Amino acid sequence: MKKVALAACAKCKAPIAPHRACTQCGTYAGRRVVDTSRAAARLVKKAKTAAPAHAHEHKEKEAEVKK
């Protein structure tokens, strides 16, 4: 196994891989390159829509099992 090289974000001090944008604050080389608020809102919306996806019953499978 190889060691994983980590650096600290200059803005928020979160551990990040070298030459990558920070996933916590969205900065790279002192500039904001990722809109983290938009990404967080997208994840929340996706989680809300994914949860009720299987709240219904599958009638097709029940009919196949009865045969």
C-alpha atoms as a PDB file:
ATOM      1  CA  MET A   1       0.000   0.000   0.000  1.00  0.00           C
ATOM      2  CA  LYS A   2       1.036   3.546  -0.655  1.00  0.00           C
ATOM      3  CA  LYS A   3       0.753   6.402   1.793  1.00  0.00           C
ATOM      4  CA  VAL A   4      -1.976   8.889   0.996  1.00  0.00           C
ATOM      5  CA  ALA A   5      -0.582  12.398   0.723  1.00  0.00           C
ATOM      6  CA  LEU A   6      -2.783  14.984   2.386  1.00  0.00           C
ATOM      7  CA  ALA A   7      -2.499  18.718   2.666  1.00  0.00           C
ATOM      8  CA  ALA A   8      -4.485  21.219   4.712  1.00  0.00           C
ATOM      9  CA  CYS A   9      -6.847  23.689   3.093  1.00  0.00           C
ATOM     10  CA  ALA A  10      -5.454  27.199   3.452  1.00  0.00           C
ATOM     11  CA  LYS A  11      -8.876  28.635   4.270  1.00  0.00           C
ATOM     12  CA  CYS A  12     -10.655  26.089   6.488  1.00  0.00           C
ATOM     13  CA  LYS A  13      -7.768  23.739   7.411  1.00  0.00           C
ATOM     14  CA  ALA A  14      -9.710  20.636   6.287  1.00  0.00           C
ATOM     15  CA  PRO A  15      -7.588  17.737   5.002  1.00  0.00           C
ATOM     16  CA  ILE A  16      -7.512  17.618   1.194  1.00  0.00           C
ATOM     17  CA  ALA A  17      -5.581  15.810  -1.499  1.00  0.00           C
ATOM     18  CA  PRO A  18      -2.856  17.937  -3.080  1.00  0.00           C
ATOM     19  CA  HIS A  19      -3.860  19.858  -6.221  1.00  0.00           C
ATOM     20  CA  ARG A  20      -7.583  19.365  -5.542  1.00  0.00           C
ATOM     21  CA  ALA A  21     -10.327  21.801  -4.590  1.00  0.00           C
ATOM     22  CA  CYS A  22     -11.459  21.651  -0.976  1.00  0.00           C
ATOM     23  CA  THR A  23     -14.764  19.824  -0.622  1.00  0.00           C
ATOM     24  CA  GLN A  24     -15.617  21.708   2.578  1.00  0.00           C
ATOM     25  CA  CYS A  25     -15.235  25.331   1.490  1.00  0.00           C
ATOM     26  CA  GLY A  26     -14.796  24.999  -2.296  1.00  0.00           C
ATOM     27  CA  THR A  27     -11.504  26.881  -2.629  1.00  0.00           C
ATOM     28  CA  TYR A  28      -8.410  26.066  -4.648  1.00  0.00           C
ATOM     29  CA  ALA A  29      -5.237  28.161  -4.534  1.00  0.00           C
ATOM     30  CA  GLY A  30      -7.022  30.898  -2.581  1.00  0.00           C
ATOM     31  CA  ARG A  31      -9.924  31.223  -5.042  1.00  0.00           C
ATOM     32  CA  ARG A  32     -13.459  29.912  -4.684  1.00  0.00           C
ATOM     33  CA  VAL A  33     -13.985  27.446  -7.519  1.00  0.00           C
ATOM     34  CA  VAL A  34     -16.902  25.331  -6.251  1.00  0.00           C
ATOM     35  CA  ASP A  35     -20.235  26.716  -5.091  1.00  0.00           C
ATOM     36  CA  THR A  36     -20.598  24.529  -2.002  1.00  0.00           C
ATOM     37  CA  SER A  37     -23.975  25.979  -0.998  1.00  0.00           C
ATOM     38  CA  ARG A  38     -25.470  24.930  -4.339  1.00  0.00           C
ATOM     39  CA  ALA A  39     -23.919  21.467  -4.089  1.00  0.00           C
ATOM     40  CA  ALA A  40     -25.224  21.042  -0.539  1.00  0.00           C
ATOM     41  CA  ALA A  41     -28.715  22.118  -1.576  1.00  0.00           C
ATOM     42  CA  ARG A  42     -28.619  19.630  -4.457  1.00  0.00           C
ATOM     43  CA  LEU A  43     -27.640  16.796  -2.100  1.00  0.00           C
ATOM     44  CA  VAL A  44     -30.456  17.661   0.312  1.00  0.00           C
ATOM     45  CA  LYS A  45     -32.990  17.754  -2.518  1.00  0.00           C
ATOM     46  CA  LYS A  46     -31.718  14.449  -3.890  1.00  0.00           C
ATOM     47  CA  ALA A  47     -31.956  12.812  -0.459  1.00  0.00           C
ATOM     48  CA  LYS A  48     -35.551  13.997  -0.030  1.00  0.00           C
ATOM     49  CA  THR A  49     -36.658  12.607  -3.395  1.00  0.00           C
ATOM     50  CA  ALA A  50     -34.752   9.325  -3.005  1.00  0.00           C
ATOM     51  CA  ALA A  51     -36.295   8.345   0.343  1.00  0.00           C
ATOM     52  CA  PRO A  52     -39.943   7.884  -0.743  1.00  0.00           C
ATOM     53  CA  ALA A  53     -38.962   6.084  -3.945  1.00  0.00           C
ATOM     54  CA  HIS A  54     -39.541   2.674  -2.346  1.00  0.00           C
ATOM     55  CA  ALA A  55     -42.401   3.574  -0.031  1.00  0.00           C
ATOM     56  CA  HIS A  56     -44.858   1.973  -2.438  1.00  0.00           C
ATOM     57  CA  GLU A  57     -45.637  -1.708  -2.882  1.00  0.00           C
ATOM     58  CA  HIS A  58     -44.504  -3.647  -5.924  1.00  0.00           C
ATOM     59  CA  LYS A  59     -47.651  -5.359  -7.223  1.00  0.00           C
ATOM     60  CA  GLU A  60     -45.973  -6.874 -10.310  1.00  0.00           C
ATOM     61  CA  LYS A  61     -43.578  -8.903  -8.202  1.00  0.00           C
ATOM     62  CA  GLU A  62     -46.374 -10.081  -5.905  1.00  0.00           C
ATOM     63  CA  ALA A  63     -48.340 -11.348  -8.915  1.00  0.00           C
ATOM     64  CA  GLU A  64     -45.298 -13.268 -10.202  1.00  0.00           C
ATOM     65  CA  VAL A  65     -44.717 -14.901  -6.823  1.00  0.00           C
ATOM     66  CA  LYS A  66     -48.335 -16.106  -6.614  1.00  0.00           C
ATOM     67  CA  LYS A  67     -48.098 -17.952  -9.968  1.00  0.00           C
END
